[in-house]
N, C-alpha and C. Protein backbone atom coordinates (compact mmCIF):
# COMPACT_ATOMS: atom_id res chain seq x y z
N MET A 1 15.99 -7.47 -6.62
CA MET A 1 14.67 -7.87 -6.16
C MET A 1 13.71 -6.69 -6.34
N LYS A 2 12.56 -6.95 -6.92
CA LYS A 2 11.55 -5.92 -7.09
C LYS A 2 10.84 -5.65 -5.77
N ARG A 3 10.47 -4.38 -5.60
CA ARG A 3 9.64 -3.99 -4.46
C ARG A 3 8.45 -3.23 -5.02
N TYR A 4 7.35 -3.32 -4.32
CA TYR A 4 6.12 -2.67 -4.75
C TYR A 4 5.64 -1.74 -3.65
N PHE A 5 4.86 -0.70 -4.03
CA PHE A 5 4.39 0.23 -3.02
C PHE A 5 3.02 0.81 -3.38
N ILE A 6 2.38 1.32 -2.35
CA ILE A 6 1.15 2.11 -2.45
C ILE A 6 1.30 3.25 -1.45
N ASP A 7 0.91 4.44 -1.89
CA ASP A 7 0.94 5.64 -1.05
C ASP A 7 -0.50 6.09 -0.86
N CYS A 8 -0.95 6.19 0.37
CA CYS A 8 -2.33 6.58 0.66
C CYS A 8 -2.65 7.98 0.13
N ARG A 9 -1.65 8.82 0.01
CA ARG A 9 -1.90 10.18 -0.48
C ARG A 9 -2.39 10.17 -1.92
N ASP A 10 -2.19 9.05 -2.65
CA ASP A 10 -2.68 8.96 -4.02
C ASP A 10 -4.19 8.70 -4.08
N ASN A 11 -4.79 8.37 -2.94
CA ASN A 11 -6.24 8.12 -2.85
C ASN A 11 -6.84 8.97 -1.74
N PRO A 12 -6.98 10.26 -1.97
CA PRO A 12 -7.50 11.13 -0.91
C PRO A 12 -8.92 10.75 -0.53
N GLY A 13 -9.18 10.78 0.74
CA GLY A 13 -10.50 10.47 1.26
C GLY A 13 -10.96 11.59 2.16
N GLU A 14 -11.82 11.25 3.09
CA GLU A 14 -12.33 12.26 4.03
C GLU A 14 -11.22 12.79 4.94
N GLU A 15 -10.31 11.92 5.31
CA GLU A 15 -9.23 12.31 6.21
C GLU A 15 -7.89 12.25 5.47
N ILE A 16 -6.94 13.00 5.95
CA ILE A 16 -5.61 12.99 5.35
C ILE A 16 -4.84 11.81 5.94
N CYS A 17 -4.28 10.98 5.08
CA CYS A 17 -3.51 9.83 5.52
C CYS A 17 -2.17 9.86 4.81
N THR A 18 -1.10 9.75 5.57
CA THR A 18 0.24 9.79 4.99
C THR A 18 0.88 8.40 4.95
N GLY A 19 0.08 7.36 5.05
CA GLY A 19 0.60 6.00 5.03
C GLY A 19 1.21 5.63 3.68
N ALA A 20 2.35 4.98 3.73
CA ALA A 20 3.01 4.45 2.53
C ALA A 20 3.44 3.03 2.86
N PHE A 21 3.14 2.10 1.97
CA PHE A 21 3.36 0.69 2.23
C PHE A 21 4.23 0.07 1.15
N PHE A 22 5.20 -0.72 1.56
CA PHE A 22 6.14 -1.39 0.65
C PHE A 22 6.17 -2.87 0.96
N ALA A 23 6.34 -3.70 -0.08
CA ALA A 23 6.48 -5.14 0.11
C ALA A 23 7.23 -5.72 -1.08
N ASN A 24 7.75 -6.92 -0.91
CA ASN A 24 8.50 -7.59 -1.97
C ASN A 24 7.62 -8.31 -2.97
N SER A 25 6.33 -8.47 -2.65
CA SER A 25 5.41 -9.10 -3.59
C SER A 25 4.09 -8.33 -3.59
N LYS A 26 3.40 -8.42 -4.71
CA LYS A 26 2.10 -7.75 -4.82
C LYS A 26 1.09 -8.36 -3.85
N GLU A 27 1.18 -9.66 -3.64
CA GLU A 27 0.26 -10.35 -2.74
C GLU A 27 0.43 -9.87 -1.31
N GLU A 28 1.68 -9.76 -0.86
CA GLU A 28 1.94 -9.28 0.50
C GLU A 28 1.47 -7.84 0.65
N LEU A 29 1.74 -7.02 -0.34
CA LEU A 29 1.32 -5.62 -0.29
C LEU A 29 -0.20 -5.51 -0.25
N LEU A 30 -0.88 -6.31 -1.04
CA LEU A 30 -2.34 -6.30 -1.05
C LEU A 30 -2.88 -6.57 0.35
N GLU A 31 -2.36 -7.57 1.03
CA GLU A 31 -2.85 -7.91 2.37
C GLU A 31 -2.56 -6.78 3.36
N LEU A 32 -1.38 -6.15 3.27
CA LEU A 32 -1.05 -5.03 4.15
C LEU A 32 -2.02 -3.87 3.96
N VAL A 33 -2.28 -3.53 2.72
CA VAL A 33 -3.12 -2.37 2.43
C VAL A 33 -4.59 -2.66 2.74
N VAL A 34 -5.06 -3.87 2.48
CA VAL A 34 -6.43 -4.23 2.87
C VAL A 34 -6.59 -4.06 4.38
N HIS A 35 -5.64 -4.58 5.14
CA HIS A 35 -5.70 -4.46 6.59
C HIS A 35 -5.76 -2.98 7.00
N HIS A 36 -4.90 -2.16 6.40
CA HIS A 36 -4.87 -0.73 6.71
C HIS A 36 -6.20 -0.06 6.38
N ARG A 37 -6.72 -0.31 5.20
CA ARG A 37 -7.95 0.38 4.78
C ARG A 37 -9.15 -0.05 5.61
N VAL A 38 -9.17 -1.31 6.05
CA VAL A 38 -10.27 -1.79 6.90
C VAL A 38 -10.15 -1.18 8.29
N ARG A 39 -8.95 -1.24 8.87
CA ARG A 39 -8.77 -0.77 10.25
C ARG A 39 -8.77 0.76 10.38
N VAL A 40 -8.07 1.44 9.50
CA VAL A 40 -7.90 2.89 9.63
C VAL A 40 -9.00 3.66 8.91
N HIS A 41 -9.32 3.25 7.69
CA HIS A 41 -10.27 4.00 6.88
C HIS A 41 -11.70 3.45 6.96
N LYS A 42 -11.88 2.39 7.76
CA LYS A 42 -13.20 1.79 8.00
C LYS A 42 -13.88 1.32 6.72
N LYS A 43 -13.08 0.84 5.76
CA LYS A 43 -13.63 0.27 4.53
C LYS A 43 -14.00 -1.19 4.79
N ARG A 44 -14.86 -1.73 3.95
CA ARG A 44 -15.25 -3.13 4.06
C ARG A 44 -14.39 -3.94 3.10
N ASP A 45 -13.84 -5.04 3.58
CA ASP A 45 -13.02 -5.92 2.73
C ASP A 45 -13.95 -6.55 1.70
N SER A 46 -13.71 -6.22 0.45
CA SER A 46 -14.55 -6.75 -0.64
C SER A 46 -13.70 -6.95 -1.88
N GLN A 47 -14.27 -7.61 -2.85
CA GLN A 47 -13.56 -7.81 -4.11
C GLN A 47 -13.31 -6.48 -4.81
N ASP A 48 -14.26 -5.54 -4.71
CA ASP A 48 -14.08 -4.22 -5.31
C ASP A 48 -12.92 -3.47 -4.65
N LEU A 49 -12.84 -3.53 -3.33
CA LEU A 49 -11.75 -2.88 -2.61
C LEU A 49 -10.42 -3.48 -3.04
N ARG A 50 -10.34 -4.79 -3.07
CA ARG A 50 -9.10 -5.46 -3.45
C ARG A 50 -8.71 -5.14 -4.91
N ALA A 51 -9.69 -5.08 -5.80
CA ALA A 51 -9.39 -4.76 -7.20
C ALA A 51 -8.86 -3.34 -7.32
N SER A 52 -9.42 -2.40 -6.57
CA SER A 52 -8.94 -1.01 -6.64
C SER A 52 -7.53 -0.90 -6.07
N ILE A 53 -7.22 -1.68 -5.04
CA ILE A 53 -5.87 -1.67 -4.47
C ILE A 53 -4.88 -2.24 -5.48
N VAL A 54 -5.22 -3.34 -6.11
CA VAL A 54 -4.33 -3.96 -7.09
C VAL A 54 -4.03 -2.98 -8.22
N ARG A 55 -5.02 -2.21 -8.66
CA ARG A 55 -4.80 -1.22 -9.72
C ARG A 55 -3.83 -0.12 -9.29
N ASP A 56 -3.77 0.16 -7.98
CA ASP A 56 -2.93 1.25 -7.47
C ASP A 56 -1.49 0.82 -7.17
N ILE A 57 -1.19 -0.48 -7.22
CA ILE A 57 0.16 -0.95 -6.90
C ILE A 57 1.14 -0.47 -7.97
N LYS A 58 2.25 0.07 -7.48
CA LYS A 58 3.32 0.54 -8.38
C LYS A 58 4.62 -0.15 -8.01
N GLN A 59 5.50 -0.25 -8.98
CA GLN A 59 6.83 -0.78 -8.68
C GLN A 59 7.64 0.33 -8.04
N ALA A 60 8.29 0.01 -6.93
CA ALA A 60 9.07 1.00 -6.18
C ALA A 60 10.42 1.23 -6.86
N PRO A 61 10.88 2.47 -6.82
CA PRO A 61 12.24 2.73 -7.33
C PRO A 61 13.27 2.09 -6.40
N PRO A 62 14.47 1.84 -6.89
CA PRO A 62 15.50 1.26 -6.03
C PRO A 62 15.79 2.21 -4.86
N LEU A 63 15.96 1.64 -3.70
CA LEU A 63 16.27 2.44 -2.51
C LEU A 63 17.76 2.40 -2.23
N LEU A 64 18.26 3.46 -1.66
CA LEU A 64 19.64 3.46 -1.21
C LEU A 64 19.79 2.51 -0.04
N ARG A 65 20.84 1.79 0.01
CA ARG A 65 21.07 0.89 1.15
C ARG A 65 21.52 1.70 2.35
N MET A 66 20.91 1.40 3.48
CA MET A 66 21.27 2.07 4.73
C MET A 66 22.31 1.22 5.45
N HIS A 67 23.30 1.86 5.98
CA HIS A 67 24.34 1.14 6.72
C HIS A 67 24.09 1.32 8.20
N ARG A 68 24.27 0.26 8.93
CA ARG A 68 24.13 0.34 10.39
C ARG A 68 25.31 1.08 10.97
N LEU A 69 25.01 1.84 11.98
CA LEU A 69 26.09 2.57 12.68
C LEU A 69 26.73 1.70 13.73
């Protein structure tokens, strides 16, 4: 299964943000990051914001499976 991610450190702004977001679909990731940028970074939800987020989406490398203790 593919996973997608965005790391806020790739888009430096006025404040330092260490947020990293992962999702199984680009659509889900887009909604997560829009919510974050509106709430935390005080951006306005717009088509330009969404287009810039879509351009920043990357495919995540495979993660090691964690085992429950």
